[in-house]
């Protein structure tokens, strides 16, 4: 993807999305969905969008800058947080909010499911884990649909239980052995879900 036509197309994609971008955090979820569609249509495009987003971080156009921040949050790599961080001193309050949400989203994307599970202690961290688990299952379902013979006995990405009944029965072992004096903690509910994925 090196022709000037393709580069111009990528720049137009960033600009177009910038016109319709929602503020974070909703905008990041929409951007993720949009990027998944683009990646499905043109595998590898997210890497190129990241490169163009890095160049667009110098933009004086607030819409394009917001789009670049969200693109980087959804396609970025380890270390890209620092590139967003340096924008803060000269940015407006609105853009600073986008940067902070973008950094949090980027860190979330780069964490393993197990690291997110270990961090569960409240509603916010539980929701972060649950979103990641749902994305993990979506990726596994795509892999399983593409190669059903390979995943006849075990699911992709370590998923042992594709059907909801087995998933729930396996997860119940976490809660049934817990403290009955009060409601389960956020961490116990997260373990309930994770156990449904990985245990026999």
Protein backbone atom coordinates (compact mmCIF):
# COMPACT_ATOMS: atom_id res chain seq x y z
CA UNK A 1 0.00 0.00 0.00
CA UNK A 2 2.49 2.60 -1.16
CA UNK A 3 0.94 4.42 -4.11
CA UNK A 4 -0.08 8.03 -3.71
CA UNK A 5 -3.66 7.03 -4.53
CA UNK A 6 -3.76 4.58 -1.61
CA UNK A 7 -2.16 7.12 0.74
CA UNK A 8 -4.73 9.72 -0.28
CA UNK A 9 -7.50 7.17 0.36
CA UNK A 10 -6.23 6.58 3.90
CA UNK A 11 -6.04 10.31 4.57
CA UNK A 12 -9.62 10.69 3.31
CA UNK A 13 -10.73 7.87 5.61
CA UNK A 14 -9.28 9.69 8.61
CA UNK A 15 -10.82 12.99 7.51
CA UNK A 16 -14.20 11.42 6.78
CA UNK A 17 -14.35 9.68 10.12
CA UNK A 18 -13.25 12.93 11.79
CA UNK A 19 -16.43 14.61 10.53
CA UNK A 20 -18.60 11.97 12.19
CA UNK A 21 -16.47 11.12 15.23
CA UNK A 22 -18.27 10.95 18.53
CA UNK A 23 -16.49 12.11 21.68
CA UNK A 24 -14.76 9.44 23.75
CA UNK A 25 -15.53 6.92 25.13
CA UNK A 26 -18.45 6.22 22.71
CA UNK A 27 -16.36 7.39 19.79
CA UNK A 28 -13.66 4.85 20.57
CA UNK A 29 -16.14 1.97 20.53
CA UNK A 30 -17.49 3.20 17.17
CA UNK A 31 -13.96 3.63 15.84
CA UNK A 32 -13.09 0.08 16.92
CA UNK A 33 -16.12 -1.23 15.03
CA UNK A 34 -15.25 0.84 11.98
CA UNK A 35 -11.63 -0.39 12.06
CA UNK A 36 -12.76 -4.02 12.27
CA UNK A 37 -14.86 -3.51 9.14
CA UNK A 38 -12.00 -1.82 7.30
CA UNK A 39 -9.58 -4.59 8.35
CA UNK A 40 -11.99 -7.27 7.15
CA UNK A 41 -12.38 -5.54 3.78
CA UNK A 42 -8.67 -4.81 3.42
CA UNK A 43 -6.43 -6.92 5.71
CA UNK A 44 -3.46 -4.94 7.03
CA UNK A 45 -5.08 -1.54 6.59
CA UNK A 46 -5.00 -0.79 10.33
CA UNK A 47 -1.19 -0.61 10.22
CA UNK A 48 -1.39 1.97 7.45
CA UNK A 49 -4.13 3.91 9.22
CA UNK A 50 -1.88 4.02 12.29
CA UNK A 51 0.94 5.51 10.19
CA UNK A 52 -1.38 8.21 8.82
CA UNK A 53 -2.81 8.86 12.27
CA UNK A 54 0.72 9.49 13.57
CA UNK A 55 1.25 12.10 10.84
CA UNK A 56 -2.14 13.69 11.52
CA UNK A 57 -1.28 14.29 15.19
CA UNK A 58 0.28 17.59 14.03
CA UNK A 59 -3.00 18.78 12.51
CA UNK A 60 -4.53 22.09 13.58
CA UNK A 61 -7.97 20.84 12.50
CA UNK A 62 -9.71 19.65 15.70
CA UNK A 63 -11.88 17.10 13.84
CA UNK A 64 -8.92 15.54 12.07
CA UNK A 65 -6.91 15.57 15.30
CA UNK A 66 -9.74 13.82 17.18
CA UNK A 67 -9.94 11.22 14.41
CA UNK A 68 -6.16 10.70 14.54
CA UNK A 69 -6.24 10.26 18.34
CA UNK A 70 -9.08 7.74 18.12
CA UNK A 71 -7.39 5.92 15.23
CA UNK A 72 -4.18 5.64 17.23
CA UNK A 73 -6.10 4.43 20.30
CA UNK A 74 -7.66 1.68 18.14
CA UNK A 75 -4.62 0.71 16.05
CA UNK A 76 -1.65 1.83 18.14
CA UNK A 77 1.24 -0.16 19.47
CA UNK A 78 3.14 -0.22 22.74
CA UNK A 79 4.86 3.13 23.22
CA UNK A 80 2.27 5.15 21.26
CA UNK A 81 0.84 6.42 24.57
CA UNK A 82 3.88 8.71 24.86
CA UNK A 83 3.13 10.23 21.44
CA UNK A 84 -0.35 11.16 22.66
CA UNK A 85 0.90 12.36 26.03
CA UNK A 86 3.15 15.04 24.47
CA UNK A 87 0.13 16.66 22.80
CA UNK A 88 -1.54 17.53 26.13
CA UNK A 89 0.27 20.79 27.03
CA UNK A 90 -0.81 22.57 23.84
CA UNK A 91 -4.27 20.99 23.50
CA UNK A 92 -7.72 22.31 24.37
CA UNK A 93 -9.72 20.74 27.20
CA UNK A 94 -11.81 18.77 24.71
CA UNK A 95 -8.73 17.35 23.00
CA UNK A 96 -7.07 16.59 26.36
CA UNK A 97 -10.16 14.54 27.29
CA UNK A 98 -9.84 12.68 23.96
CA UNK A 99 -6.14 12.06 24.60
CA UNK A 100 -6.74 10.70 28.10
CA UNK A 101 -9.55 8.42 26.89
CA UNK A 102 -7.38 7.37 23.93
CA UNK A 103 -4.44 6.46 26.17
CA UNK A 104 -6.70 4.43 28.47
CA UNK A 105 -8.23 2.63 25.45
CA UNK A 106 -4.83 1.91 23.94
CA UNK A 107 -3.52 0.45 27.20
CA UNK A 108 -6.69 -1.64 27.51
CA UNK A 109 -6.25 -3.00 23.96
CA UNK A 110 -2.64 -3.97 24.60
CA UNK A 111 -3.33 -5.84 27.86
CA UNK A 112 -3.88 -9.57 27.93
CA UNK A 113 -7.21 -10.97 29.04
CA UNK A 114 -5.49 -12.49 32.07
CA UNK A 115 -3.97 -9.14 33.09
CA UNK A 116 -7.40 -7.51 32.86
CA UNK A 117 -8.85 -10.34 34.96
CA UNK A 118 -6.22 -9.80 37.65
CA UNK A 119 -7.12 -6.10 37.82
CA UNK A 120 -10.85 -6.59 38.45
CA UNK A 121 -11.82 -4.95 41.74
CA UNK A 122 -14.77 -2.68 40.93
CA UNK A 123 -17.51 -2.12 38.37
CA UNK A 124 -15.28 -0.17 35.94
CA UNK A 125 -12.49 -2.76 35.89
CA UNK A 126 -15.07 -5.57 35.61
CA UNK A 127 -16.66 -3.92 32.57
CA UNK A 128 -13.23 -3.50 30.96
CA UNK A 129 -12.58 -7.22 31.46
CA UNK A 130 -16.07 -8.24 30.25
CA UNK A 131 -15.67 -6.15 27.06
CA UNK A 132 -12.30 -7.79 26.38
CA UNK A 133 -13.76 -11.26 26.98
CA UNK A 134 -16.61 -10.53 24.54
CA UNK A 135 -14.11 -9.32 21.90
CA UNK A 136 -12.00 -12.42 22.52
CA UNK A 137 -15.04 -14.63 21.89
CA UNK A 138 -15.90 -12.70 18.71
CA UNK A 139 -12.36 -13.27 17.38
CA UNK A 140 -12.57 -16.95 18.33
CA UNK A 141 -15.92 -17.35 16.53
CA UNK A 142 -14.44 -15.88 13.34
CA UNK A 143 -11.50 -18.28 13.48
CA UNK A 144 -13.80 -21.23 14.18
CA UNK A 145 -16.10 -20.29 11.27
CA UNK A 146 -13.13 -20.03 8.90
CA UNK A 147 -11.73 -23.44 9.86
CA UNK A 148 -14.45 -25.54 11.58
CA UNK A 149 -12.59 -28.82 11.12
CA UNK A 150 -9.58 -27.55 13.07
CA UNK A 151 -11.78 -26.43 15.98
CA UNK A 152 -14.13 -29.41 16.12
CA UNK A 153 -13.12 -30.42 19.68
CA UNK A 154 -11.71 -27.24 21.21
CA UNK A 155 -12.51 -23.67 20.32
CA UNK A 156 -10.08 -21.08 19.06
CA UNK A 157 -8.08 -18.85 21.42
CA UNK A 158 -8.45 -21.27 24.32
CA UNK A 159 -12.27 -21.30 24.36
CA UNK A 160 -13.35 -24.68 25.71
CA UNK A 161 -17.09 -23.99 25.80
CA UNK A 162 -18.89 -22.42 22.87
CA UNK A 163 -22.38 -23.30 24.05
CA UNK A 164 -23.91 -21.18 26.80
CA UNK A 165 -25.06 -24.07 29.03
CA UNK A 166 -21.60 -25.63 29.40
CA UNK A 167 -20.04 -22.19 29.76
CA UNK A 168 -22.40 -21.36 32.65
CA UNK A 169 -22.07 -24.74 34.40
CA UNK A 170 -18.29 -24.50 34.33
CA UNK A 171 -18.32 -20.93 35.61
CA UNK A 172 -20.73 -21.79 38.42
CA UNK A 173 -18.01 -23.75 40.20
CA UNK A 174 -16.39 -20.42 41.11
CA UNK A 175 -19.51 -19.00 42.74
CA UNK A 176 -20.74 -22.21 44.35
CA UNK A 177 -17.52 -22.57 46.30
CA UNK A 178 -17.50 -18.94 47.44
CA UNK A 179 -18.55 -17.07 50.56
CA UNK A 180 -22.33 -17.19 50.97
CA UNK A 181 -22.52 -14.32 53.48
CA UNK A 182 -22.96 -11.67 50.84
CA UNK A 183 -23.15 -10.98 47.15
CA UNK A 184 -20.20 -12.07 45.02
CA UNK A 185 -17.46 -9.51 44.43
CA UNK A 186 -16.73 -8.07 40.99
CA UNK A 187 -13.61 -10.25 40.89
CA UNK A 188 -15.65 -13.41 41.59
CA UNK A 189 -18.07 -12.56 38.79
CA UNK A 190 -15.12 -11.97 36.44
CA UNK A 191 -13.63 -15.35 37.43
CA UNK A 192 -17.05 -16.93 36.81
CA UNK A 193 -16.91 -15.69 33.21
CA UNK A 194 -13.24 -16.52 32.65
CA UNK A 195 -13.61 -20.02 34.07
CA UNK A 196 -16.47 -20.61 31.65
CA UNK A 197 -14.01 -19.93 28.85
CA UNK A 198 -10.99 -22.01 29.87
CA UNK A 199 -11.85 -24.84 32.27
CA UNK A 200 -13.03 -28.33 31.34
